[in-house]
Amino acid sequence: MTQKVTSNPTRHVIRLAMVFVASWMSLAHTPSLALADTVDRSQKGEAAQLRDDAERMLQGNRSVLGKVQSVTSDQIKVDIGEVQPRFLPLKQAQQKGFAPIKEGDDLIVVLNAQNLLVDFHPLDGESSAHTIIRGEITQNLPVGQETVLIRSGGKDQSFAIRSQARSKVAAIPIGVAAVFLIDETNQIADVGFSNLQAVKDAERQPERKSPIKAAHKQVDGTVTAPLEANRITIRTVNGSEKPFEVREMLQPKIARLRKGDAVILLVDTENKVIDVAVPPPAR
């Protein structure tokens, strides 16, 4: 039996990584008290802004208790009390150095306001140590959308992006203020706009978002085996049957498909389904 963990999302350890512009350092030896006061107010303003950003990002997060149902070579099937089980990436657990996860284990699963995976860890293990930074994306994401270059405090830093966060990062336009949640392996686990003005800036600059992955491919066909164990099988237009793994965020939509339904799948560089369209019935 699973149950929701009634805890404030901020119970997870958050290290607020506050990076400030270094140019003020040249003022350190000036005798002017007025300049020193200006620098101090600037620092406090930056700290307050970052604290507000952190609270805004975390307030929609929730932690739930899940029971591991099975573990395969690349994913963990977990029951968190929803209609469909969740499938968590085993690679993420291995990168974090968790003890081997097995059937029957209890996991704490952290979901964001969009009900998408942010993080997970064993119930009896240490909670994750996350960092929040505020910055701007400086250039389009590369093909595959696996990394991003962020300018924060006047410095450019490159971060790998967790698979579950790639579409959200790609939706942030270049040059718009954003808040990035960095996990303990230095990878982006979640992202959001810094403030309402940033949201308005993004709406005015849709052309500055990263383009859809050039490596995506479209697969047309008919469902031969509906979604089961995170996979759907279709018969393509050339008559061959192909199974595809479905990304977690798309599973509720894919679960509505039935055998015989015509579909158009969008498949990413890892050969996983990231979007689906159902063509209108022929008249």
Protein backbone atom coordinates (compact mmCIF):
# COMPACT_ATOMS: atom_id res chain seq x y z
CA MET A 1 0.00 0.00 0.00
CA THR A 2 1.33 3.41 -0.90
CA GLN A 3 0.66 6.67 0.80
CA LYS A 4 1.43 10.33 0.25
CA VAL A 5 4.21 11.65 2.39
CA THR A 6 2.83 14.72 4.10
CA SER A 7 5.94 16.80 4.20
CA ASN A 8 6.97 20.21 3.05
CA PRO A 9 9.04 19.94 -0.13
CA THR A 10 11.69 22.07 1.46
CA ARG A 11 12.48 19.21 3.85
CA HIS A 12 14.94 18.09 1.23
CA VAL A 13 18.28 19.74 1.79
CA ILE A 14 18.61 22.83 -0.43
CA ARG A 15 21.89 24.59 -0.85
CA LEU A 16 21.16 28.00 -2.34
CA ALA A 17 24.08 28.60 -4.66
CA MET A 18 24.19 32.38 -4.80
CA VAL A 19 26.63 33.66 -7.39
CA PHE A 20 27.19 37.40 -7.68
CA VAL A 21 28.86 39.57 -10.29
CA ALA A 22 32.56 39.86 -9.45
CA SER A 23 33.03 43.41 -10.71
CA TRP A 24 32.18 44.88 -7.32
CA MET A 25 35.39 43.40 -5.94
CA SER A 26 37.33 46.31 -7.43
CA LEU A 27 35.55 48.52 -4.89
CA ALA A 28 36.90 46.64 -1.89
CA HIS A 29 39.71 49.11 -1.18
CA THR A 30 37.78 52.34 -1.70
CA PRO A 31 37.32 54.48 1.40
CA SER A 32 33.80 55.45 0.35
CA LEU A 33 31.27 54.12 2.83
CA ALA A 34 28.51 54.99 0.37
CA LEU A 35 29.96 52.56 -2.18
CA ALA A 36 30.30 49.83 0.46
CA ASP A 37 26.67 50.29 1.44
CA THR A 38 25.63 50.04 -2.23
CA VAL A 39 27.49 46.75 -2.63
CA ASP A 40 25.98 45.37 0.58
CA ARG A 41 22.46 46.26 -0.56
CA SER A 42 23.16 44.66 -3.94
CA GLN A 43 24.27 41.42 -2.26
CA LYS A 44 21.21 41.34 -0.04
CA GLY A 45 18.96 42.01 -3.02
CA GLU A 46 20.50 39.12 -4.97
CA ALA A 47 20.12 36.80 -1.97
CA ALA A 48 16.49 37.77 -1.45
CA GLN A 49 15.73 37.24 -5.15
CA LEU A 50 17.32 33.79 -5.15
CA ARG A 51 15.42 32.84 -1.99
CA ASP A 52 12.14 33.90 -3.61
CA ASP A 53 13.04 31.93 -6.75
CA ALA A 54 13.77 28.82 -4.68
CA GLU A 55 10.48 29.06 -2.77
CA ARG A 56 8.55 29.57 -6.01
CA MET A 57 10.10 26.51 -7.64
CA LEU A 58 9.71 24.23 -4.61
CA GLN A 59 6.21 25.20 -3.49
CA GLY A 60 4.60 23.01 -6.16
CA ASN A 61 6.74 19.97 -5.37
CA ARG A 62 5.33 17.03 -3.46
CA SER A 63 6.88 13.86 -2.09
CA VAL A 64 5.09 10.51 -2.28
CA LEU A 65 5.98 7.08 -0.99
CA GLY A 66 6.25 4.36 -3.63
CA LYS A 67 6.78 0.60 -3.63
CA VAL A 68 9.17 -0.94 -6.17
CA GLN A 69 7.30 -3.55 -8.23
CA SER A 70 10.17 -4.64 -10.47
CA VAL A 71 13.62 -3.64 -11.68
CA THR A 72 14.90 -4.20 -15.22
CA SER A 73 18.22 -3.39 -16.85
CA ASP A 74 17.32 0.27 -17.33
CA GLN A 75 14.26 1.20 -15.28
CA ILE A 76 12.47 0.84 -11.95
CA LYS A 77 8.72 0.18 -11.94
CA VAL A 78 7.14 1.88 -8.92
CA ASP A 79 3.58 1.98 -7.58
CA ILE A 80 2.83 5.39 -6.03
CA GLY A 81 -0.93 4.94 -5.83
CA GLU A 82 -1.79 6.26 -9.29
CA VAL A 83 -3.75 4.41 -11.99
CA GLN A 84 -0.54 3.68 -13.87
CA PRO A 85 2.82 2.79 -12.28
CA ARG A 86 5.77 5.15 -12.62
CA PHE A 87 8.93 4.11 -14.43
CA LEU A 88 12.10 5.64 -12.98
CA PRO A 89 15.51 5.64 -14.71
CA LEU A 90 17.81 3.09 -13.10
CA LYS A 91 20.82 4.98 -14.46
CA GLN A 92 19.95 7.93 -12.21
CA ALA A 93 20.03 5.69 -9.11
CA GLN A 94 23.39 4.25 -10.18
CA GLN A 95 24.89 7.70 -10.79
CA LYS A 96 23.88 8.75 -7.27
CA GLY A 97 25.51 5.70 -5.72
CA PHE A 98 22.35 4.21 -4.19
CA ALA A 99 22.51 0.68 -2.84
CA PRO A 100 21.06 -1.83 -5.35
CA ILE A 101 17.29 -1.27 -5.59
CA LYS A 102 15.14 -4.39 -5.57
CA GLU A 103 11.49 -5.42 -5.69
CA GLY A 104 9.64 -4.47 -2.51
CA ASP A 105 11.88 -1.50 -1.62
CA ASP A 106 10.28 1.78 -0.55
CA LEU A 107 11.26 4.94 -2.46
CA ILE A 108 10.52 8.60 -1.87
CA VAL A 109 9.50 10.06 -5.24
CA VAL A 110 9.50 13.85 -5.70
CA LEU A 111 7.11 15.28 -8.32
CA ASN A 112 6.78 18.87 -9.48
CA ALA A 113 3.66 20.98 -10.05
CA GLN A 114 3.22 19.37 -13.49
CA ASN A 115 3.25 15.91 -11.85
CA LEU A 116 6.56 15.11 -13.52
CA LEU A 117 9.50 13.37 -11.86
CA VAL A 118 12.05 15.62 -10.17
CA ASP A 119 13.98 13.15 -8.02
CA PHE A 120 13.80 9.94 -6.02
CA HIS A 121 15.78 8.21 -3.29
CA PRO A 122 15.42 5.20 -0.96
CA LEU A 123 13.22 5.71 2.08
CA ASP A 124 16.00 4.69 4.46
CA GLY A 125 18.71 6.63 2.61
CA GLU A 126 19.89 10.21 2.82
CA SER A 127 17.74 12.87 1.16
CA SER A 128 19.14 14.54 -1.91
CA ALA A 129 21.26 17.67 -1.64
CA HIS A 130 20.13 20.08 -4.35
CA THR A 131 21.43 23.44 -5.50
CA ILE A 132 19.38 26.23 -7.04
CA ILE A 133 20.97 28.72 -9.41
CA ARG A 134 19.51 31.71 -11.25
CA GLY A 135 20.71 32.44 -14.75
CA GLU A 136 20.03 32.63 -18.47
CA ILE A 137 20.46 30.13 -21.28
CA THR A 138 23.05 31.59 -23.66
CA GLN A 139 22.59 29.47 -26.79
CA ASN A 140 20.33 26.88 -28.41
CA LEU A 141 20.54 23.39 -26.95
CA PRO A 142 22.60 20.97 -29.08
CA VAL A 143 21.00 18.10 -30.99
CA GLY A 144 19.73 15.65 -28.39
CA GLN A 145 19.16 18.46 -25.85
CA GLU A 146 21.38 16.69 -23.32
CA THR A 147 23.39 19.75 -22.19
CA VAL A 148 22.83 23.47 -21.75
CA LEU A 149 25.09 26.50 -21.31
CA ILE A 150 23.90 28.84 -18.53
CA ARG A 151 25.24 32.29 -17.65
CA SER A 152 25.01 32.95 -13.92
CA GLY A 153 26.79 35.74 -12.10
CA GLY A 154 28.76 36.66 -15.21
CA LYS A 155 30.12 33.14 -15.70
CA ASP A 156 29.10 30.55 -18.29
CA GLN A 157 28.59 27.03 -16.94
CA SER A 158 27.65 23.85 -18.81
CA PHE A 159 25.23 21.36 -17.23
CA ALA A 160 23.92 17.99 -18.31
CA ILE A 161 20.11 17.78 -18.33
CA ARG A 162 18.13 14.90 -16.86
CA SER A 163 15.94 13.27 -19.52
CA GLN A 164 12.73 14.21 -17.68
CA ALA A 165 13.69 17.92 -17.71
CA ARG A 166 14.86 18.34 -21.31
CA SER A 167 11.56 19.50 -22.80
CA LYS A 168 11.15 22.10 -20.01
CA VAL A 169 14.68 23.44 -20.49
CA ALA A 170 14.12 23.64 -24.26
CA ALA A 171 11.01 25.77 -23.62
CA ILE A 172 13.06 28.51 -21.90
CA PRO A 173 14.07 31.19 -24.46
CA ILE A 174 17.67 32.34 -24.70
CA GLY A 175 18.38 35.34 -22.46
CA VAL A 176 15.27 34.99 -20.23
CA ALA A 177 15.84 34.77 -16.45
CA ALA A 178 15.23 31.24 -15.18
CA VAL A 179 15.78 29.14 -12.05
CA PHE A 180 17.52 25.78 -12.37
CA LEU A 181 17.38 22.93 -9.84
CA ILE A 182 20.72 21.07 -9.89
CA ASP A 183 20.91 17.61 -8.31
CA GLU A 184 23.84 16.08 -6.46
CA THR A 185 25.34 14.73 -9.70
CA ASN A 186 25.46 18.31 -11.10
CA GLN A 187 22.65 17.67 -13.59
CA ILE A 188 19.53 19.79 -14.12
CA ALA A 189 16.49 18.08 -12.57
CA ASP A 190 13.94 20.87 -13.02
CA VAL A 191 13.63 24.44 -14.29
CA GLY A 192 11.16 27.32 -14.07
CA PHE A 193 10.88 31.00 -14.92
CA SER A 194 12.37 33.37 -12.35
CA ASN A 195 9.36 35.69 -12.13
CA LEU A 196 6.25 36.95 -13.90
CA GLN A 197 8.30 39.33 -16.04
CA ALA A 198 10.38 36.39 -17.28
CA VAL A 199 7.17 34.59 -18.29
CA LYS A 200 6.07 37.67 -20.27
CA ASP A 201 9.51 37.92 -21.88
CA ALA A 202 9.27 34.27 -22.95
CA GLU A 203 5.84 34.81 -24.50
CA ARG A 204 7.18 37.71 -26.55
CA GLN A 205 10.19 35.72 -27.80
CA PRO A 206 9.00 32.26 -28.90
CA GLU A 207 11.57 32.28 -31.71
CA ARG A 208 14.39 32.24 -29.14
CA LYS A 209 13.44 28.84 -27.74
CA SER A 210 15.61 25.89 -28.70
CA PRO A 211 14.28 24.20 -31.86
CA ILE A 212 12.75 20.75 -31.76
CA LYS A 213 15.50 18.17 -31.83
CA ALA A 214 16.66 17.75 -35.39
CA ALA A 215 17.34 14.11 -34.64
CA HIS A 216 13.68 13.37 -33.84
CA LYS A 217 11.96 11.02 -36.24
CA GLN A 218 8.31 10.46 -37.08
CA VAL A 219 6.95 6.93 -37.15
CA ASP A 220 3.50 6.27 -38.69
CA GLY A 221 1.65 3.05 -38.03
CA THR A 222 -1.10 1.10 -36.26
CA VAL A 223 -1.10 -0.04 -32.63
CA THR A 224 -0.69 -3.81 -32.34
CA ALA A 225 0.02 -3.94 -28.58
CA PRO A 226 -1.21 -1.10 -26.29
CA LEU A 227 0.97 0.38 -23.56
CA GLU A 228 2.30 -2.23 -21.16
CA ALA A 229 5.41 -2.08 -18.99
CA ASN A 230 6.23 1.34 -20.42
CA ARG A 231 6.22 0.10 -24.05
CA ILE A 232 3.88 0.28 -27.03
CA THR A 233 4.15 -1.76 -30.22
CA ILE A 234 3.01 -0.56 -33.63
CA ARG A 235 2.95 -1.96 -37.14
CA THR A 236 4.69 0.57 -39.38
CA VAL A 237 3.62 1.45 -42.92
CA ASN A 238 6.16 -1.02 -44.31
CA GLY A 239 4.52 -3.88 -42.39
CA SER A 240 7.11 -4.45 -39.63
CA GLU A 241 6.22 -4.46 -35.93
CA LYS A 242 8.32 -2.29 -33.65
CA PRO A 243 8.16 -1.78 -29.88
CA PHE A 244 8.96 1.67 -28.46
CA GLU A 245 9.60 2.77 -24.89
CA VAL A 246 7.40 5.73 -23.88
CA ARG A 247 8.71 8.67 -21.87
CA GLU A 248 7.06 8.97 -18.46
CA MET A 249 5.33 12.31 -19.10
CA LEU A 250 3.54 10.85 -22.16
CA GLN A 251 2.39 7.55 -20.65
CA PRO A 252 -1.12 8.72 -19.55
CA LYS A 253 -1.83 9.89 -23.11
CA ILE A 254 -0.42 6.74 -24.74
CA ALA A 255 -2.38 4.54 -22.30
CA ARG A 256 -5.63 5.65 -23.99
CA LEU A 257 -4.62 4.07 -27.31
CA ARG A 258 -6.14 0.72 -28.24
CA LYS A 259 -5.18 -2.06 -30.61
CA GLY A 260 -5.94 -1.04 -34.19
CA ASP A 261 -5.64 2.73 -33.58
CA ALA A 262 -3.72 4.67 -36.21
CA VAL A 263 -0.93 6.75 -34.66
CA ILE A 264 1.96 9.03 -35.50
CA LEU A 265 4.80 8.76 -32.97
CA LEU A 266 7.60 11.27 -32.44
CA VAL A 267 10.70 9.36 -31.33
CA ASP A 268 13.85 10.93 -29.84
CA THR A 269 17.53 10.06 -30.18
CA GLU A 270 17.18 7.33 -27.52
CA ASN A 271 14.38 5.72 -29.57
CA LYS A 272 11.80 6.68 -26.95
CA VAL A 273 8.37 8.17 -27.69
CA ILE A 274 8.14 11.85 -26.68
CA ASP A 275 4.91 12.81 -28.46
CA VAL A 276 1.98 11.23 -30.27
CA ALA A 277 -0.72 12.31 -32.70
CA VAL A 278 -3.84 10.44 -33.76
CA PRO A 279 -4.76 11.19 -37.38
CA PRO A 280 -8.45 11.81 -38.15
CA PRO A 281 -10.33 8.73 -39.42
CA ALA A 282 -10.52 8.37 -43.18
CA ARG A 283 -13.89 9.35 -44.65
